[in-house]
Every structure is written in structure tokens, then in C-alpha cells.
Amino acid sequence: MTDRQVLPRTREIAGATLTVSTSGGYSVLYEGVYIGYIHASFGDRWNAYVRRVRALDDYLGKLGQEEAVRRIIGAYRGNAGEKAVA
């Protein structure tokens, strides 16, 4: 098994909850809010997106799973005027 497999269960990473999405990846929920999603790329990399309301979602890059989730949280919190998650 590699890090990029989507397991059919809820996961917790970096303070966020990951749930299996319909796109073959994970939806990222933070403090109960759907803030983004990741889906498998190549090797151990995941495509990361932060959700935008009334705009196109922002692509954050191909990252390791935990780093992808941290960047999504950081982008979300940055938009809310808060500092990013370390």
C-alpha cells in the first residue's frame, strides 16, 4: 500500500478531517467546514485545491498528503485573515 491510495474511511491529518470524495480523492474539512480537496497524482504526490466560493478553486500544487492538507488549511485560514497552520 502507498500513501496515495484512497482508503474508504475518514482520516485525520493536521487538525483536518478527510472524507472520501466522489472524485477519487479526499474532501478536506476543517472545523466542520469543507475547505478543499486532494486527489492522487503520481507516486506519493497529491493534487491539492483550496475551495473558493463564487470563484474557481485554487490549485496549490502536487504535494505529499500531509503537506497538501497543511497548505489547504493555510490558504483557507489566510483568506480568513488568520495565520497559516505551521
PDB file of N, CA and C in Angstrom:
ATOM      1  N   MET A   1       0.843  -1.175   0.000  1.00  0.00           N
ATOM      2  CA  MET A   1       0.000   0.000   0.000  1.00  0.00           C
ATOM      3  C   MET A   1       0.893   1.245   0.000  1.00  0.00           C
ATOM      4  N   THR A   2       0.514   2.263  -0.773  1.00  0.00           N
ATOM      5  CA  THR A   2       1.252   3.520  -0.791  1.00  0.00           C
ATOM      6  C   THR A   2       0.394   4.619  -0.208  1.00  0.00           C
ATOM      7  N   ASP A   3       1.019   5.771   0.069  1.00  0.00           N
ATOM      8  CA  ASP A   3       0.303   6.902   0.644  1.00  0.00           C
ATOM      9  C   ASP A   3      -0.813   7.414  -0.250  1.00  0.00           C
ATOM     10  N   ARG A   4      -0.731   7.176  -1.559  1.00  0.00           N
ATOM     11  CA  ARG A   4      -1.702   7.769  -2.472  1.00  0.00           C
ATOM     12  C   ARG A   4      -2.990   6.980  -2.602  1.00  0.00           C
ATOM     13  N   GLN A   5      -3.089   5.822  -2.016  1.00  0.00           N
ATOM     14  CA  GLN A   5      -4.334   5.072  -2.080  1.00  0.00           C
ATOM     15  C   GLN A   5      -5.413   5.766  -1.272  1.00  0.00           C
ATOM     16  N   VAL A   6      -6.610   5.767  -1.810  1.00  0.00           N
ATOM     17  CA  VAL A   6      -7.747   6.350  -1.116  1.00  0.00           C
ATOM     18  C   VAL A   6      -8.423   5.242  -0.329  1.00  0.00           C
ATOM     19  N   LEU A   7      -8.326   5.326   0.971  1.00  0.00           N
ATOM     20  CA  LEU A   7      -8.914   4.314   1.836  1.00  0.00           C
ATOM     21  C   LEU A   7     -10.357   4.693   2.138  1.00  0.00           C
ATOM     22  N   PRO A   8     -11.257   3.732   2.155  1.00  0.00           N
ATOM     23  CA  PRO A   8     -12.684   4.028   2.327  1.00  0.00           C
ATOM     24  C   PRO A   8     -13.071   4.329   3.775  1.00  0.00           C
ATOM     25  N   ARG A   9     -12.439   5.347   4.339  1.00  0.00           N
ATOM     26  CA  ARG A   9     -12.747   5.714   5.717  1.00  0.00           C
ATOM     27  C   ARG A   9     -12.358   7.171   5.938  1.00  0.00           C
ATOM     28  N   THR A  10     -12.801   7.711   7.040  1.00  0.00           N
ATOM     29  CA  THR A  10     -12.446   9.068   7.433  1.00  0.00           C
ATOM     30  C   THR A  10     -11.064   9.054   8.057  1.00  0.00           C
ATOM     31  N   ARG A  11     -10.272  10.087   7.749  1.00  0.00           N
ATOM     32  CA  ARG A  11      -8.924  10.207   8.304  1.00  0.00           C
ATOM     33  C   ARG A  11      -8.756  11.572   8.939  1.00  0.00           C
ATOM     34  N   GLU A  12      -7.831  11.674   9.870  1.00  0.00           N
ATOM     35  CA  GLU A  12      -7.495  12.949  10.500  1.00  0.00           C
ATOM     36  C   GLU A  12      -6.046  13.267  10.161  1.00  0.00           C
ATOM     37  N   ILE A  13      -5.809  14.466   9.615  1.00  0.00           N
ATOM     38  CA  ILE A  13      -4.448  14.920   9.315  1.00  0.00           C
ATOM     39  C   ILE A  13      -4.365  16.403   9.633  1.00  0.00           C
ATOM     40  N   ALA A  14      -3.367  16.805  10.397  1.00  0.00           N
ATOM     41  CA  ALA A  14      -3.071  18.214  10.668  1.00  0.00           C
ATOM     42  C   ALA A  14      -4.278  18.987  11.189  1.00  0.00           C
ATOM     43  N   GLY A  15      -5.138  18.339  11.958  1.00  0.00           N
ATOM     44  CA  GLY A  15      -6.302  19.013  12.503  1.00  0.00           C
ATOM     45  C   GLY A  15      -7.496  19.067  11.574  1.00  0.00           C
ATOM     46  N   ALA A  16      -7.377  18.440  10.411  1.00  0.00           N
ATOM     47  CA  ALA A  16      -8.475  18.412   9.443  1.00  0.00           C
ATOM     48  C   ALA A  16      -9.017  16.990   9.334  1.00  0.00           C
ATOM     49  N   THR A  17     -10.253  16.882   8.906  1.00  0.00           N
ATOM     50  CA  THR A  17     -10.875  15.583   8.663  1.00  0.00           C
ATOM     51  C   THR A  17     -10.939  15.364   7.169  1.00  0.00           C
ATOM     52  N   LEU A  18     -10.462  14.211   6.723  1.00  0.00           N
ATOM     53  CA  LEU A  18     -10.524  13.837   5.318  1.00  0.00           C
ATOM     54  C   LEU A  18     -11.591  12.773   5.149  1.00  0.00           C
ATOM     55  N   THR A  19     -12.494  12.994   4.216  1.00  0.00           N
ATOM     56  CA  THR A  19     -13.520  12.006   3.896  1.00  0.00           C
ATOM     57  C   THR A  19     -13.398  11.669   2.418  1.00  0.00           C
ATOM     58  N   VAL A  20     -13.703  10.445   2.065  1.00  0.00           N
ATOM     59  CA  VAL A  20     -13.593  10.015   0.676  1.00  0.00           C
ATOM     60  C   VAL A  20     -14.554  10.848  -0.171  1.00  0.00           C
ATOM     61  N   SER A  21     -14.029  11.372  -1.289  1.00  0.00           N
ATOM     62  CA  SER A  21     -14.841  12.211  -2.173  1.00  0.00           C
ATOM     63  C   SER A  21     -15.275  11.418  -3.400  1.00  0.00           C
ATOM     64  N   THR A  22     -16.184  11.988  -4.149  1.00  0.00           N
ATOM     65  CA  THR A  22     -16.666  11.334  -5.367  1.00  0.00           C
ATOM     66  C   THR A  22     -15.653  11.430  -6.498  1.00  0.00           C
ATOM     67  N   SER A  23     -14.607  12.257  -6.341  1.00  0.00           N
ATOM     68  CA  SER A  23     -13.603  12.413  -7.399  1.00  0.00           C
ATOM     69  C   SER A  23     -12.437  11.442  -7.254  1.00  0.00           C
ATOM     70  N   GLY A  24     -12.550  10.481  -6.346  1.00  0.00           N
ATOM     71  CA  GLY A  24     -11.470   9.521  -6.158  1.00  0.00           C
ATOM     72  C   GLY A  24     -10.349  10.049  -5.288  1.00  0.00           C
ATOM     73  N   GLY A  25     -10.656  10.992  -4.442  1.00  0.00           N
ATOM     74  CA  GLY A  25      -9.682  11.562  -3.521  1.00  0.00           C
ATOM     75  C   GLY A  25     -10.332  11.778  -2.177  1.00  0.00           C
ATOM     76  N   TYR A  26      -9.939  12.870  -1.521  1.00  0.00           N
ATOM     77  CA  TYR A  26     -10.494  13.202  -0.220  1.00  0.00           C
ATOM     78  C   TYR A  26     -11.003  14.642  -0.201  1.00  0.00           C
ATOM     79  N   SER A  27     -12.135  14.852   0.447  1.00  0.00           N
ATOM     80  CA  SER A  27     -12.596  16.191   0.790  1.00  0.00           C
ATOM     81  C   SER A  27     -11.925  16.555   2.099  1.00  0.00           C
ATOM     82  N   VAL A  28     -11.516  17.821   2.233  1.00  0.00           N
ATOM     83  CA  VAL A  28     -10.837  18.284   3.440  1.00  0.00           C
ATOM     84  C   VAL A  28     -11.791  19.189   4.207  1.00  0.00           C
ATOM     85  N   LEU A  29     -12.117  18.786   5.431  1.00  0.00           N
ATOM     86  CA  LEU A  29     -12.987  19.577   6.303  1.00  0.00           C
ATOM     87  C   LEU A  29     -12.162  20.079   7.475  1.00  0.00           C
ATOM     88  N   TYR A  30     -12.317  21.360   7.780  1.00  0.00           N
ATOM     89  CA  TYR A  30     -11.577  21.974   8.878  1.00  0.00           C
ATOM     90  C   TYR A  30     -12.578  22.721   9.744  1.00  0.00           C
ATOM     91  N   GLU A  31     -12.609  22.376  11.014  1.00  0.00           N
ATOM     92  CA  GLU A  31     -13.583  22.947  11.947  1.00  0.00           C
ATOM     93  C   GLU A  31     -15.004  22.812  11.397  1.00  0.00           C
ATOM     94  N   GLY A  32     -15.274  21.670  10.749  1.00  0.00           N
ATOM     95  CA  GLY A  32     -16.601  21.365  10.234  1.00  0.00           C
ATOM     96  C   GLY A  32     -16.946  22.014   8.908  1.00  0.00           C
ATOM     97  N   VAL A  33     -16.003  22.729   8.303  1.00  0.00           N
ATOM     98  CA  VAL A  33     -16.243  23.434   7.042  1.00  0.00           C
ATOM     99  C   VAL A  33     -15.470  22.739   5.917  1.00  0.00           C
ATOM    100  N   TYR A  34     -16.131  22.535   4.769  1.00  0.00           N
ATOM    101  CA  TYR A  34     -15.474  21.960   3.596  1.00  0.00           C
ATOM    102  C   TYR A  34     -14.589  23.043   2.988  1.00  0.00           C
ATOM    103  N   ILE A  35     -13.259  22.858   3.073  1.00  0.00           N
ATOM    104  CA  ILE A  35     -12.334  23.904   2.633  1.00  0.00           C
ATOM    105  C   ILE A  35     -11.506  23.540   1.408  1.00  0.00           C
ATOM    106  N   GLY A  36     -11.512  22.272   1.009  1.00  0.00           N
ATOM    107  CA  GLY A  36     -10.709  21.905  -0.148  1.00  0.00           C
ATOM    108  C   GLY A  36     -10.744  20.416  -0.398  1.00  0.00           C
ATOM    109  N   TYR A  37      -9.870  19.987  -1.294  1.00  0.00           N
ATOM    110  CA  TYR A  37      -9.834  18.571  -1.639  1.00  0.00           C
ATOM    111  C   TYR A  37      -8.478  18.203  -2.226  1.00  0.00           C
ATOM    112  N   ILE A  38      -8.176  16.915  -2.161  1.00  0.00           N
ATOM    113  CA  ILE A  38      -6.962  16.368  -2.765  1.00  0.00           C
ATOM    114  C   ILE A  38      -7.342  15.139  -3.575  1.00  0.00           C
ATOM    115  N   HIS A  39      -6.580  14.912  -4.645  1.00  0.00           N
ATOM    116  CA  HIS A  39      -6.738  13.660  -5.376  1.00  0.00           C
ATOM    117  C   HIS A  39      -5.370  13.195  -5.842  1.00  0.00           C
ATOM    118  N   ALA A  40      -5.234  11.896  -6.017  1.00  0.00           N
ATOM    119  CA  ALA A  40      -3.947  11.263  -6.299  1.00  0.00           C
ATOM    120  C   ALA A  40      -3.329  11.777  -7.584  1.00  0.00           C
ATOM    121  N   SER A  41      -2.013  11.944  -7.548  1.00  0.00           N
ATOM    122  CA  SER A  41      -1.230  12.315  -8.718  1.00  0.00           C
ATOM    123  C   SER A  41      -0.298  11.147  -9.016  1.00  0.00           C
ATOM    124  N   PHE A  42       0.993  11.390  -9.098  1.00  0.00           N
ATOM    125  CA  PHE A  42       1.969  10.332  -9.351  1.00  0.00           C
ATOM    126  C   PHE A  42       2.762  10.036  -8.094  1.00  0.00           C
ATOM    127  N   GLY A  43       3.147   8.766  -7.940  1.00  0.00           N
ATOM    128  CA  GLY A  43       3.936   8.390  -6.766  1.00  0.00           C
ATOM    129  C   GLY A  43       3.189   8.695  -5.484  1.00  0.00           C
ATOM    130  N   ASP A  44       3.864   9.395  -4.577  1.00  0.00           N
ATOM    131  CA  ASP A  44       3.233   9.733  -3.292  1.00  0.00           C
ATOM    132  C   ASP A  44       2.709  11.168  -3.284  1.00  0.00           C
ATOM    133  N   ARG A  45       2.465  11.732  -4.446  1.00  0.00           N
ATOM    134  CA  ARG A  45       2.008  13.116  -4.561  1.00  0.00           C
ATOM    135  C   ARG A  45       0.503  13.208  -4.753  1.00  0.00           C
ATOM    136  N   TRP A  46      -0.067  14.295  -4.241  1.00  0.00           N
ATOM    137  CA  TRP A  46      -1.498  14.565  -4.330  1.00  0.00           C
ATOM    138  C   TRP A  46      -1.685  15.962  -4.899  1.00  0.00           C
ATOM    139  N   ASN A  47      -2.658  16.131  -5.785  1.00  0.00           N
ATOM    140  CA  ASN A  47      -3.038  17.450  -6.273  1.00  0.00           C
ATOM    141  C   ASN A  47      -3.903  18.086  -5.193  1.00  0.00           C
ATOM    142  N   ALA A  48      -3.547  19.298  -4.782  1.00  0.00           N
ATOM    143  CA  ALA A  48      -4.243  19.970  -3.691  1.00  0.00           C
ATOM    144  C   ALA A  48      -4.968  21.216  -4.194  1.00  0.00           C
ATOM    145  N   TYR A  49      -6.201  21.389  -3.734  1.00  0.00           N
ATOM    146  CA  TYR A  49      -7.026  22.540  -4.123  1.00  0.00           C
ATOM    147  C   TYR A  49      -7.698  23.111  -2.884  1.00  0.00           C
ATOM    148  N   VAL A  50      -7.721  24.436  -2.790  1.00  0.00           N
ATOM    149  CA  VAL A  50      -8.496  25.094  -1.743  1.00  0.00           C
ATOM    150  C   VAL A  50      -9.790  25.573  -2.398  1.00  0.00           C
ATOM    151  N   ARG A  51     -10.890  25.350  -1.718  1.00  0.00           N
ATOM    152  CA  ARG A  51     -12.212  25.686  -2.253  1.00  0.00           C
ATOM    153  C   ARG A  51     -12.453  27.186  -2.165  1.00  0.00           C
ATOM    154  N   ARG A  52     -13.007  27.725  -3.223  1.00  0.00           N
ATOM    155  CA  ARG A  52     -13.389  29.140  -3.270  1.00  0.00           C
ATOM    156  C   ARG A  52     -14.879  29.232  -3.565  1.00  0.00           C
ATOM    157  N   VAL A  53     -15.566  30.089  -2.862  1.00  0.00           N
ATOM    158  CA  VAL A  53     -16.987  30.313  -3.103  1.00  0.00           C
ATOM    159  C   VAL A  53     -17.112  31.400  -4.164  1.00  0.00           C
ATOM    160  N   ARG A  54     -17.922  31.156  -5.162  1.00  0.00           N
ATOM    161  CA  ARG A  54     -18.163  32.086  -6.271  1.00  0.00           C
ATOM    162  C   ARG A  54     -16.910  32.370  -7.098  1.00  0.00           C
ATOM    163  N   ALA A  55     -15.954  31.465  -7.101  1.00  0.00           N
ATOM    164  CA  ALA A  55     -14.733  31.605  -7.900  1.00  0.00           C
ATOM    165  C   ALA A  55     -14.174  30.215  -8.163  1.00  0.00           C
ATOM    166  N   LEU A  56     -13.234  30.139  -9.090  1.00  0.00           N
ATOM    167  CA  LEU A  56     -12.571  28.861  -9.341  1.00  0.00           C
ATOM    168  C   LEU A  56     -11.725  28.480  -8.132  1.00  0.00           C
ATOM    169  N   ASP A  57     -11.680  27.199  -7.834  1.00  0.00           N
ATOM    170  CA  ASP A  57     -10.844  26.714  -6.743  1.00  0.00           C
ATOM    171  C   ASP A  57      -9.380  26.973  -7.085  1.00  0.00           C
ATOM    172  N   ASP A  58      -8.551  27.221  -6.069  1.00  0.00           N
ATOM    173  CA  ASP A  58      -7.127  27.481  -6.270  1.00  0.00           C
ATOM    174  C   ASP A  58      -6.342  26.179  -6.205  1.00  0.00           C
ATOM    175  N   TYR A  59      -5.529  25.933  -7.244  1.00  0.00           N
ATOM    176  CA  TYR A  59      -4.645  24.779  -7.271  1.00  0.00           C
ATOM    177  C   TYR A  59      -3.387  25.127  -6.490  1.00  0.00           C
ATOM    178  N   LEU A  60      -3.016  24.289  -5.531  1.00  0.00           N
ATOM    179  CA  LEU A  60      -1.868  24.557  -4.675  1.00  0.00           C
ATOM    180  C   LEU A  60      -0.633  23.739  -5.037  1.00  0.00           C
ATOM    181  N   GLY A  61      -0.768  22.781  -5.939  1.00  0.00           N
ATOM    182  CA  GLY A  61       0.384  22.008  -6.375  1.00  0.00           C
ATOM    183  C   GLY A  61       0.273  20.527  -6.089  1.00  0.00           C
ATOM    184  N   LYS A  62       1.332  19.812  -6.476  1.00  0.00           N
ATOM    185  CA  LYS A  62       1.461  18.375  -6.220  1.00  0.00           C
ATOM    186  C   LYS A  62       2.341  18.222  -4.987  1.00  0.00           C
ATOM    187  N   LEU A  63       1.784  17.664  -3.932  1.00  0.00           N
ATOM    188  CA  LEU A  63       2.462  17.622  -2.642  1.00  0.00           C
ATOM    189  C   LEU A  63       2.246  16.270  -1.977  1.00  0.00           C
ATOM    190  N   GLY A  64       3.057  15.974  -0.967  1.00  0.00           N
ATOM    191  CA  GLY A  64       2.783  14.826  -0.122  1.00  0.00           C
ATOM    192  C   GLY A  64       1.443  15.052   0.569  1.00  0.00           C
ATOM    193  N   GLN A  65       0.786  13.993   0.999  1.00  0.00           N
ATOM    194  CA  GLN A  65      -0.570  14.114   1.528  1.00  0.00           C
ATOM    195  C   GLN A  65      -0.672  15.066   2.723  1.00  0.00           C
ATOM    196  N   GLU A  66       0.177  14.902   3.716  1.00  0.00           N
ATOM    197  CA  GLU A  66       0.091  15.768   4.892  1.00  0.00           C
ATOM    198  C   GLU A  66       0.387  17.218   4.532  1.00  0.00           C
ATOM    199  N   GLU A  67       1.403  17.447   3.709  1.00  0.00           N
ATOM    200  CA  GLU A  67       1.734  18.813   3.296  1.00  0.00           C
ATOM    201  C   GLU A  67       0.592  19.427   2.479  1.00  0.00           C
ATOM    202  N   ALA A  68      -0.055  18.638   1.652  1.00  0.00           N
ATOM    203  CA  ALA A  68      -1.201  19.127   0.874  1.00  0.00           C
ATOM    204  C   ALA A  68      -2.307  19.619   1.798  1.00  0.00           C
ATOM    205  N   VAL A  69      -2.604  18.843   2.830  1.00  0.00           N
ATOM    206  CA  VAL A  69      -3.652  19.228   3.780  1.00  0.00           C
ATOM    207  C   VAL A  69      -3.232  20.488   4.545  1.00  0.00           C
ATOM    208  N   ARG A  70      -1.984  20.551   4.976  1.00  0.00           N
ATOM    209  CA  ARG A  70      -1.498  21.735   5.693  1.00  0.00           C
ATOM    210  C   ARG A  70      -1.593  22.991   4.816  1.00  0.00           C
ATOM    211  N   ARG A  71      -1.249  22.870   3.548  1.00  0.00           N
ATOM    212  CA  ARG A  71      -1.320  24.026   2.635  1.00  0.00           C
ATOM    213  C   ARG A  71      -2.763  24.457   2.397  1.00  0.00           C
ATOM    214  N   ILE A  72      -3.660  23.502   2.290  1.00  0.00           N
ATOM    215  CA  ILE A  72      -5.083  23.842   2.124  1.00  0.00           C
ATOM    216  C   ILE A  72      -5.571  24.608   3.356  1.00  0.00           C
ATOM    217  N   ILE A  73      -5.235  24.113   4.543  1.00  0.00           N
ATOM    218  CA  ILE A  73      -5.633  24.802   5.772  1.00  0.00           C
ATOM    219  C   ILE A  73      -5.023  26.201   5.812  1.00  0.00           C
ATOM    220  N   GLY A  74      -3.742  26.306   5.469  1.00  0.00           N
ATOM    221  CA  GLY A  74      -3.074  27.604   5.470  1.00  0.00           C
ATOM    222  C   GLY A  74      -3.716  28.587   4.510  1.00  0.00           C
ATOM    223  N   ALA A  75      -4.056  28.126   3.324  1.00  0.00           N
ATOM    224  CA  ALA A  75      -4.704  29.002   2.340  1.00  0.00           C
ATOM    225  C   ALA A  75      -6.088  29.423   2.826  1.00  0.00           C
ATOM    226  N   TYR A  76      -6.814  28.502   3.415  1.00  0.00           N
ATOM    227  CA  TYR A  76      -8.141  28.808   3.947  1.00  0.00           C
ATOM    228  C   TYR A  76      -8.043  29.819   5.088  1.00  0.00           C
ATOM    229  N   ARG A  77      -7.168  29.571   6.014  1.00  0.00           N
ATOM    230  CA  ARG A  77      -7.033  30.467   7.171  1.00  0.00           C
ATOM    231  C   ARG A  77      -6.473  31.812   6.758  1.00  0.00           C
ATOM    232  N   GLY A  78      -5.577  31.813   5.784  1.00  0.00           N
ATOM    233  CA  GLY A  78      -5.043  33.077   5.276  1.00  0.00           C
ATOM    234  C   GLY A  78      -6.113  33.952   4.680  1.00  0.00           C
ATOM    235  N   ASN A  79      -7.077  33.328   4.027  1.00  0.00           N
ATOM    236  CA  ASN A  79      -8.203  34.056   3.457  1.00  0.00           C
ATOM    237  C   ASN A  79      -9.079  34.652   4.526  1.00  0.00           C
ATOM    238  N   ALA A  80      -9.110  34.014   5.682  1.00  0.00           N
ATOM    239  CA  ALA A  80      -9.942  34.489   6.779  1.00  0.00           C
ATOM    240  C   ALA A  80      -9.200  35.500   7.649  1.00  0.00           C
ATOM    241  N   GLY A  81      -7.979  35.890   7.213  1.00  0.00           N
ATOM    242  CA  GLY A  81      -7.202  36.867   7.972  1.00  0.00           C
ATOM    243  C   GLY A  81      -6.458  36.278   9.143  1.00  0.00           C
ATOM    244  N   GLU A  82      -6.327  34.945   9.159  1.00  0.00           N
ATOM    245  CA  GLU A  82      -5.618  34.281  10.240  1.00  0.00           C
ATOM    246  C   GLU A  82      -4.287  33.768   9.713  1.00  0.00           C
ATOM    247  N   LYS A  83      -3.361  33.486  10.612  1.00  0.00           N
ATOM    248  CA  LYS A  83      -2.075  32.934  10.193  1.00  0.00           C
ATOM    249  C   LYS A  83      -2.237  31.491   9.735  1.00  0.00           C
ATOM    250  N   ALA A  84      -1.335  31.053   8.872  1.00  0.00           N
ATOM    251  CA  ALA A  84      -1.361  29.686   8.353  1.00  0.00           C
ATOM    252  C   ALA A  84      -0.962  28.687   9.427  1.00  0.00           C
ATOM    253  N   VAL A  85      -1.407  27.456   9.250  1.00  0.00           N
ATOM    254  CA  VAL A  85      -1.052  26.368  10.157  1.00  0.00           C
ATOM    255  C   VAL A  85       0.404  25.997   9.918  1.00  0.00           C
ATOM    256  N   ALA A  86       1.179  25.869  10.965  1.00  0.00           N
ATOM    257  CA  ALA A  86       2.609  25.514  10.830  1.00  0.00           C
ATOM    258  C   ALA A  86       2.785  24.053  10.519  1.00  0.00           C
TER     259      ALA A  86
END
